[in-house]
Amino acid sequence: MIELRPFEKLGRFRNDWLNARYHFSFSGYHDPSRVHHGALRVWNDDEIQPNTGFPPHGHESMEIITYVRKGAITHRDSMGNHGRTEAGDVQVMSAGSGVQHSEWNAENEVTELFQLWIIPRIRGGKPNWGARKFPKGDRSGQWVVFASGDGGGDSLPINQDSKVQGATLKAGETLTYDLSAGRYGYLVVADGEVVLNGKTLKTRDAAAITGAETLTLEGVKDAELVLVDTI
């Protein structure tokens, strides 16, 4: 089953430095029909103004994946990690037994990013952070795994039977993905426009998928895609 979730119908939050859309219930936005999708608990679409961001705050027992769409985000945490993740690249923080961190837009332009939270298979454990570059050219017309439960290939490790992956698709090209029975898929178009199994998805639109499904994506405008496959 495929359920479209248009960008304009997502939850909303806005203040002087953050313009956010929520795919799932989060903070002051609550929709009982959109609390999670399998182990995927949060997908926030954030626009962060220059030289602002999330001050130090804590998390525990959550896998937090950040995909930067535009600009860059600077990370600092209580483990001593410090890094800057640019557009198209990914960072992962396993909060484990507890960690404090900040996410700051130190740029002179608006940063746009997706922040995903995945419920871990086991609570607690040692917290961890990592980041990696994923050149868009390497995922032209194919899926590349950004983060996964097995940490295979060049993917960043997460504590769950899940894969966070991406692809780019040119207009006129076709790409497929097989979601197995008992799995949950969540697809967001980071940029561009595609047709998914006959249904049009534009920039920042989403589709919630329950397996088993064969997804067929046709590029209408050059597109950048992010897909979660999880239990």
C-alpha atoms as a PDB file:
ATOM      1  CA  MET A   1       0.000   0.000   0.000  1.00  0.00           C
ATOM      2  CA  ILE A   2       1.234   3.494  -0.854  1.00  0.00           C
ATOM      3  CA  GLU A   3      -0.101   6.591   0.927  1.00  0.00           C
ATOM      4  CA  LEU A   4       0.927  10.000  -0.418  1.00  0.00           C
ATOM      5  CA  ARG A   5       1.813  12.682   2.126  1.00  0.00           C
ATOM      6  CA  PRO A   6       2.043  16.054   0.343  1.00  0.00           C
ATOM      7  CA  PHE A   7       4.403  18.657   1.775  1.00  0.00           C
ATOM      8  CA  GLU A   8       1.637  21.215   2.269  1.00  0.00           C
ATOM      9  CA  LYS A   9      -0.292  18.832   4.550  1.00  0.00           C
ATOM     10  CA  LEU A  10       2.572  18.161   6.985  1.00  0.00           C
ATOM     11  CA  GLY A  11       2.636  19.496  10.539  1.00  0.00           C
ATOM     12  CA  ARG A  12       4.097  22.986  10.930  1.00  0.00           C
ATOM     13  CA  PHE A  13       6.247  24.963  13.345  1.00  0.00           C
ATOM     14  CA  ARG A  14       7.845  28.358  12.864  1.00  0.00           C
ATOM     15  CA  ASN A  15       9.751  30.859  14.971  1.00  0.00           C
ATOM     16  CA  ASP A  16      12.351  33.532  14.217  1.00  0.00           C
ATOM     17  CA  TRP A  17      15.112  31.057  13.266  1.00  0.00           C
ATOM     18  CA  LEU A  18      13.396  27.736  12.416  1.00  0.00           C
ATOM     19  CA  ASN A  19      10.796  26.865   9.797  1.00  0.00           C
ATOM     20  CA  ALA A  20       9.904  23.191  10.231  1.00  0.00           C
ATOM     21  CA  ARG A  21       7.512  20.671   8.711  1.00  0.00           C
ATOM     22  CA  TYR A  22       6.761  17.464  10.590  1.00  0.00           C
ATOM     23  CA  HIS A  23       5.947  14.192   8.823  1.00  0.00           C
ATOM     24  CA  PHE A  24       5.060  12.604  12.201  1.00  0.00           C
ATOM     25  CA  SER A  25       3.748  13.827  15.539  1.00  0.00           C
ATOM     26  CA  PHE A  26       6.490  15.934  17.114  1.00  0.00           C
ATOM     27  CA  SER A  27       6.736  18.661  19.747  1.00  0.00           C
ATOM     28  CA  GLY A  28       3.435  20.602  19.708  1.00  0.00           C
ATOM     29  CA  TYR A  29       2.111  18.848  16.585  1.00  0.00           C
ATOM     30  CA  HIS A  30       0.105  15.693  17.195  1.00  0.00           C
ATOM     31  CA  ASP A  31      -1.742  13.538  14.685  1.00  0.00           C
ATOM     32  CA  PRO A  32      -2.757  10.156  16.141  1.00  0.00           C
ATOM     33  CA  SER A  33      -2.670   8.622  12.654  1.00  0.00           C
ATOM     34  CA  ARG A  34       0.948   9.751  12.136  1.00  0.00           C
ATOM     35  CA  VAL A  35       2.926   8.832  15.223  1.00  0.00           C
ATOM     36  CA  HIS A  36       5.420   6.521  13.508  1.00  0.00           C
ATOM     37  CA  HIS A  37       5.849   4.251  10.484  1.00  0.00           C
ATOM     38  CA  GLY A  38       7.369   1.045  11.737  1.00  0.00           C
ATOM     39  CA  ALA A  39      10.542   1.971  13.632  1.00  0.00           C
ATOM     40  CA  LEU A  40      10.687   5.365  11.884  1.00  0.00           C
ATOM     41  CA  ARG A  41       9.551   7.806  14.559  1.00  0.00           C
ATOM     42  CA  VAL A  42      10.508  11.271  13.231  1.00  0.00           C
ATOM     43  CA  TRP A  43      11.089  12.893   9.865  1.00  0.00           C
ATOM     44  CA  ASN A  44      11.456  16.646  10.220  1.00  0.00           C
ATOM     45  CA  ASP A  45      12.031  18.977   7.273  1.00  0.00           C
ATOM     46  CA  ASP A  46      13.916  21.945   8.762  1.00  0.00           C
ATOM     47  CA  GLU A  47      14.965  25.330   7.393  1.00  0.00           C
ATOM     48  CA  ILE A  48      17.459  26.973   9.760  1.00  0.00           C
ATOM     49  CA  GLN A  49      18.371  30.638   9.444  1.00  0.00           C
ATOM     50  CA  PRO A  50      22.041  31.682   9.166  1.00  0.00           C
ATOM     51  CA  ASN A  51      24.101  31.733  12.382  1.00  0.00           C
ATOM     52  CA  THR A  52      21.355  30.095  14.440  1.00  0.00           C
ATOM     53  CA  GLY A  53      20.379  26.562  15.356  1.00  0.00           C
ATOM     54  CA  PHE A  54      19.586  24.051  18.050  1.00  0.00           C
ATOM     55  CA  PRO A  55      21.489  24.832  21.287  1.00  0.00           C
ATOM     56  CA  PRO A  56      22.893  21.996  23.430  1.00  0.00           C
ATOM     57  CA  HIS A  57      20.202  19.501  24.438  1.00  0.00           C
ATOM     58  CA  GLY A  58      20.009  15.823  25.277  1.00  0.00           C
ATOM     59  CA  HIS A  59      18.776  12.560  23.735  1.00  0.00           C
ATOM     60  CA  GLU A  60      18.884   8.899  24.642  1.00  0.00           C
ATOM     61  CA  SER A  61      17.909   5.602  22.994  1.00  0.00           C
ATOM     62  CA  MET A  62      17.346   7.023  19.507  1.00  0.00           C
ATOM     63  CA  GLU A  63      19.146   6.757  16.156  1.00  0.00           C
ATOM     64  CA  ILE A  64      19.263  10.291  14.691  1.00  0.00           C
ATOM     65  CA  ILE A  65      20.156  10.661  11.017  1.00  0.00           C
ATOM     66  CA  THR A  66      20.634  14.049   9.355  1.00  0.00           C
ATOM     67  CA  TYR A  67      20.556  14.497   5.577  1.00  0.00           C
ATOM     68  CA  VAL A  68      21.539  18.011   4.491  1.00  0.00           C
ATOM     69  CA  ARG A  69      19.640  19.319   1.465  1.00  0.00           C
ATOM     70  CA  LYS A  70      21.197  22.792   1.191  1.00  0.00           C
ATOM     71  CA  GLY A  71      23.919  24.638   3.067  1.00  0.00           C
ATOM     72  CA  ALA A  72      25.661  22.880   5.954  1.00  0.00           C
ATOM     73  CA  ILE A  73      25.171  21.988   9.628  1.00  0.00           C
ATOM     74  CA  THR A  74      27.834  22.047  12.353  1.00  0.00           C
ATOM     75  CA  HIS A  75      27.649  19.396  15.077  1.00  0.00           C
ATOM     76  CA  ARG A  76      29.168  19.391  18.579  1.00  0.00           C
ATOM     77  CA  ASP A  77      28.491  16.875  21.329  1.00  0.00           C
ATOM     78  CA  SER A  78      29.393  15.831  24.848  1.00  0.00           C
ATOM     79  CA  MET A  79      31.556  12.985  23.465  1.00  0.00           C
ATOM     80  CA  GLY A  80      33.957  15.587  22.060  1.00  0.00           C
ATOM     81  CA  ASN A  81      32.883  15.232  18.442  1.00  0.00           C
ATOM     82  CA  HIS A  82      32.841  18.264  16.154  1.00  0.00           C
ATOM     83  CA  GLY A  83      31.975  18.172  12.477  1.00  0.00           C
ATOM     84  CA  ARG A  84      30.436  20.072   9.570  1.00  0.00           C
ATOM     85  CA  THR A  85      28.105  18.189   7.209  1.00  0.00           C
ATOM     86  CA  GLU A  86      27.440  19.743   3.802  1.00  0.00           C
ATOM     87  CA  ALA A  87      24.585  19.430   1.304  1.00  0.00           C
ATOM     88  CA  GLY A  88      24.141  15.872   0.044  1.00  0.00           C
ATOM     89  CA  ASP A  89      26.046  14.361   2.944  1.00  0.00           C
ATOM     90  CA  VAL A  90      24.905  12.520   6.069  1.00  0.00           C
ATOM     91  CA  GLN A  91      25.617  12.400   9.786  1.00  0.00           C
ATOM     92  CA  VAL A  92      24.390   9.796  12.286  1.00  0.00           C
ATOM     93  CA  MET A  93      24.190  10.056  16.067  1.00  0.00           C
ATOM     94  CA  SER A  94      23.329   6.977  18.121  1.00  0.00           C
ATOM     95  CA  ALA A  95      22.160   8.574  21.367  1.00  0.00           C
ATOM     96  CA  GLY A  96      22.554   5.331  23.330  1.00  0.00           C
ATOM     97  CA  SER A  97      22.531   5.804  27.103  1.00  0.00           C
ATOM     98  CA  GLY A  98      22.549   9.583  26.677  1.00  0.00           C
ATOM     99  CA  VAL A  99      24.350  12.405  24.888  1.00  0.00           C
ATOM    100  CA  GLN A 100      24.208  16.204  24.712  1.00  0.00           C
ATOM    101  CA  HIS A 101      24.631  17.863  21.334  1.00  0.00           C
ATOM    102  CA  SER A 102      24.059  21.060  19.362  1.00  0.00           C
ATOM    103  CA  GLU A 103      23.278  21.470  15.656  1.00  0.00           C
ATOM    104  CA  TRP A 104      24.206  24.914  14.400  1.00  0.00           C
ATOM    105  CA  ASN A 105      23.974  26.681  11.042  1.00  0.00           C
ATOM    106  CA  ALA A 106      27.297  28.533  11.057  1.00  0.00           C
ATOM    107  CA  GLU A 107      26.820  29.530   7.402  1.00  0.00           C
ATOM    108  CA  ASN A 108      25.716  32.824   5.873  1.00  0.00           C
ATOM    109  CA  GLU A 109      22.821  31.132   4.080  1.00  0.00           C
ATOM    110  CA  VAL A 110      19.750  29.170   5.119  1.00  0.00           C
ATOM    111  CA  THR A 111      20.448  25.495   5.783  1.00  0.00           C
ATOM    112  CA  GLU A 112      17.791  22.969   4.770  1.00  0.00           C
ATOM    113  CA  LEU A 113      17.895  19.423   6.093  1.00  0.00           C
ATOM    114  CA  PHE A 114      15.946  16.284   6.905  1.00  0.00           C
ATOM    115  CA  GLN A 115      16.292  14.939  10.432  1.00  0.00           C
ATOM    116  CA  LEU A 116      15.155  11.343  10.928  1.00  0.00           C
ATOM    117  CA  TRP A 117      14.760   9.447  14.202  1.00  0.00           C
ATOM    118  CA  ILE A 118      14.668   5.660  14.196  1.00  0.00           C
ATOM    119  CA  ILE A 119      13.773   3.695  17.329  1.00  0.00           C
ATOM    120  CA  PRO A 120      16.740   1.421  18.175  1.00  0.00           C
ATOM    121  CA  ARG A 121      16.511  -2.334  18.537  1.00  0.00           C
ATOM    122  CA  ILE A 122      18.041  -2.096  22.033  1.00  0.00           C
ATOM    123  CA  ARG A 123      17.777   0.804  24.474  1.00  0.00           C
ATOM    124  CA  GLY A 124      20.892   2.342  25.954  1.00  0.00           C
ATOM    125  CA  GLY A 125      24.400   1.361  24.983  1.00  0.00           C
ATOM    126  CA  LYS A 126      27.408   3.484  24.135  1.00  0.00           C
ATOM    127  CA  PRO A 127      26.536   6.693  22.244  1.00  0.00           C
ATOM    128  CA  ASN A 128      28.299   7.343  18.962  1.00  0.00           C
ATOM    129  CA  TRP A 129      28.511   9.926  16.157  1.00  0.00           C
ATOM    130  CA  GLY A 130      29.818   9.805  12.613  1.00  0.00           C
ATOM    131  CA  ALA A 131      29.526  11.631   9.296  1.00  0.00           C
ATOM    132  CA  ARG A 132      30.339  10.734   5.718  1.00  0.00           C
ATOM    133  CA  LYS A 133      30.315  12.300   2.266  1.00  0.00           C
ATOM    134  CA  PHE A 134      28.024  10.706  -0.314  1.00  0.00           C
ATOM    135  CA  PRO A 135      28.718  12.335  -3.714  1.00  0.00           C
ATOM    136  CA  LYS A 136      25.525  12.681  -5.715  1.00  0.00           C
ATOM    137  CA  GLY A 137      27.247  11.380  -8.828  1.00  0.00           C
ATOM    138  CA  ASP A 138      27.800   8.030  -7.125  1.00  0.00           C
ATOM    139  CA  ARG A 139      24.056   7.536  -6.699  1.00  0.00           C
ATOM    140  CA  SER A 140      22.973   8.562 -10.198  1.00  0.00           C
ATOM    141  CA  GLY A 141      20.273   6.108 -11.222  1.00  0.00           C
ATOM    142  CA  GLN A 142      20.958   3.791  -8.292  1.00  0.00           C
ATOM    143  CA  TRP A 143      20.375   3.437  -4.551  1.00  0.00           C
ATOM    144  CA  VAL A 144      23.266   4.111  -2.197  1.00  0.00           C
ATOM    145  CA  VAL A 145      22.928   3.181   1.481  1.00  0.00           C
ATOM    146  CA  PHE A 146      23.754   6.070   3.833  1.00  0.00           C
ATOM    147  CA  ALA A 147      23.102   4.309   7.149  1.00  0.00           C
ATOM    148  CA  SER A 148      22.228   0.733   8.008  1.00  0.00           C
ATOM    149  CA  GLY A 149      21.887  -1.773  10.804  1.00  0.00           C
ATOM    150  CA  ASP A 150      24.722  -3.889   9.430  1.00  0.00           C
ATOM    151  CA  GLY A 151      27.003  -0.959   8.649  1.00  0.00           C
ATOM    152  CA  GLY A 152      27.839  -2.645   5.362  1.00  0.00           C
ATOM    153  CA  GLY A 153      29.794  -1.013   2.573  1.00  0.00           C
ATOM    154  CA  ASP A 154      30.332   2.694   3.125  1.00  0.00           C
ATOM    155  CA  SER A 155      27.183   3.115   5.216  1.00  0.00           C
ATOM    156  CA  LEU A 156      27.165   4.647   8.676  1.00  0.00           C
ATOM    157  CA  PRO A 157      26.097   2.154  11.388  1.00  0.00           C
ATOM    158  CA  ILE A 158      22.777   2.442  13.229  1.00  0.00           C
ATOM    159  CA  ASN A 159      21.298   0.275  15.956  1.00  0.00           C
ATOM    160  CA  GLN A 160      18.262  -1.056  14.065  1.00  0.00           C
ATOM    161  CA  ASP A 161      17.315  -3.348  11.180  1.00  0.00           C
ATOM    162  CA  SER A 162      16.877  -0.369   8.882  1.00  0.00           C
ATOM    163  CA  LYS A 163      18.413   1.222   5.825  1.00  0.00           C
ATOM    164  CA  VAL A 164      18.489   4.927   5.014  1.00  0.00           C
ATOM    165  CA  GLN A 165      19.384   5.332   1.362  1.00  0.00           C
ATOM    166  CA  GLY A 166      19.356   7.822  -1.466  1.00  0.00           C
ATOM    167  CA  ALA A 167      19.417   8.094  -5.230  1.00  0.00           C
ATOM    168  CA  THR A 168      19.378  10.734  -7.923  1.00  0.00           C
ATOM    169  CA  LEU A 169      17.192  10.296 -10.979  1.00  0.00           C
ATOM    170  CA  LYS A 170      17.303  12.238 -14.215  1.00  0.00           C
ATOM    171  CA  ALA A 171      14.183  13.231 -16.120  1.00  0.00           C
ATOM    172  CA  GLY A 172      13.100  10.285 -18.240  1.00  0.00           C
ATOM    173  CA  GLU A 173      15.008   7.692 -16.202  1.00  0.00           C
ATOM    174  CA  THR A 174      13.382   4.863 -14.226  1.00  0.00           C
ATOM    175  CA  LEU A 175      14.471   3.360 -10.906  1.00  0.00           C
ATOM    176  CA  THR A 176      12.904   0.513  -8.916  1.00  0.00           C
ATOM    177  CA  TYR A 177      12.975  -0.732  -5.322  1.00  0.00           C
ATOM    178  CA  ASP A 178      11.475  -3.896  -3.831  1.00  0.00           C
ATOM    179  CA  LEU A 179      10.051  -3.488  -0.323  1.00  0.00           C
ATOM    180  CA  SER A 180       9.601  -6.864   1.352  1.00  0.00           C
ATOM    181  CA  ALA A 181       6.482  -8.047   3.147  1.00  0.00           C
ATOM    182  CA  GLY A 182       6.438  -6.980   6.785  1.00  0.00           C
ATOM    183  CA  ARG A 183       8.673  -3.960   6.098  1.00  0.00           C
ATOM    184  CA  TYR A 184       7.866  -0.241   6.110  1.00  0.00           C
ATOM    185  CA  GLY A 185       9.122   2.212   3.519  1.00  0.00           C
ATOM    186  CA  TYR A 186       9.112   5.997   3.675  1.00  0.00           C
ATOM    187  CA  LEU A 187      10.175   7.984   0.601  1.00  0.00           C
ATOM    188  CA  VAL A 188      10.720  11.744   0.383  1.00  0.00           C
ATOM    189  CA  VAL A 189      11.644  13.725  -2.725  1.00  0.00           C
ATOM    190  CA  ALA A 190      14.423  16.028  -1.548  1.00  0.00           C
ATOM    191  CA  ASP A 191      14.361  17.848  -4.883  1.00  0.00           C
ATOM    192  CA  GLY A 192      12.738  17.512  -8.301  1.00  0.00           C
ATOM    193  CA  GLU A 193       9.664  15.547  -9.332  1.00  0.00           C
ATOM    194  CA  VAL A 194       8.933  11.859  -9.903  1.00  0.00           C
ATOM    195  CA  VAL A 195       6.035   9.540 -10.620  1.00  0.00           C
ATOM    196  CA  LEU A 196       5.815   6.696  -8.100  1.00  0.00           C
ATOM    197  CA  ASN A 197       3.663   3.787  -9.287  1.00  0.00           C
ATOM    198  CA  GLY A 198       1.543   6.236 -11.254  1.00  0.00           C
ATOM    199  CA  LYS A 199       1.359   8.905  -8.504  1.00  0.00           C
ATOM    200  CA  THR A 200       3.154  12.254  -8.782  1.00  0.00           C
ATOM    201  CA  LEU A 201       5.504  13.377  -6.016  1.00  0.00           C
ATOM    202  CA  LYS A 202       7.013  16.867  -6.106  1.00  0.00           C
ATOM    203  CA  THR A 203       9.820  18.428  -4.075  1.00  0.00           C
ATOM    204  CA  ARG A 204       9.469  17.579  -0.342  1.00  0.00           C
ATOM    205  CA  ASP A 205       6.404  15.366  -0.876  1.00  0.00           C
ATOM    206  CA  ALA A 206       6.444  11.939   0.774  1.00  0.00           C
ATOM    207  CA  ALA A 207       4.994   8.473   0.396  1.00  0.00           C
ATOM    208  CA  ALA A 208       4.436   5.994   3.241  1.00  0.00           C
ATOM    209  CA  ILE A 209       4.705   2.423   1.937  1.00  0.00           C
ATOM    210  CA  THR A 210       3.740  -0.844   3.563  1.00  0.00           C
ATOM    211  CA  GLY A 211       5.289  -3.974   1.991  1.00  0.00           C
ATOM    212  CA  ALA A 212       5.261  -5.960  -0.090  1.00  0.00           C
ATOM    213  CA  GLU A 213       5.542  -3.417  -2.894  1.00  0.00           C
ATOM    214  CA  THR A 214       7.674  -2.973  -5.972  1.00  0.00           C
ATOM    215  CA  LEU A 215       8.304   0.752  -6.269  1.00  0.00           C
ATOM    216  CA  THR A 216       8.774   2.120  -9.782  1.00  0.00           C
ATOM    217  CA  LEU A 217      10.031   5.704  -9.910  1.00  0.00           C
ATOM    218  CA  GLU A 218      10.040   7.680 -13.141  1.00  0.00           C
ATOM    219  CA  GLY A 219      11.898  10.989 -13.308  1.00  0.00           C
ATOM    220  CA  VAL A 220       9.775  13.948 -14.409  1.00  0.00           C
ATOM    221  CA  LYS A 221      12.336  16.587 -13.356  1.00  0.00           C
ATOM    222  CA  ASP A 222      15.851  15.728 -12.201  1.00  0.00           C
ATOM    223  CA  ALA A 223      15.249  14.384  -8.703  1.00  0.00           C
ATOM    224  CA  GLU A 224      17.031  13.655  -5.438  1.00  0.00           C
ATOM    225  CA  LEU A 225      15.433  10.913  -3.327  1.00  0.00           C
ATOM    226  CA  VAL A 226      15.750   9.677   0.267  1.00  0.00           C
ATOM    227  CA  LEU A 227      14.187   6.341   1.285  1.00  0.00           C
ATOM    228  CA  VAL A 228      13.954   4.503   4.596  1.00  0.00           C
ATOM    229  CA  ASP A 229      13.369   0.736   4.650  1.00  0.00           C
ATOM    230  CA  THR A 230      12.710  -0.451   8.195  1.00  0.00           C
ATOM    231  CA  ILE A 231      10.951  -3.006  10.368  1.00  0.00           C
END
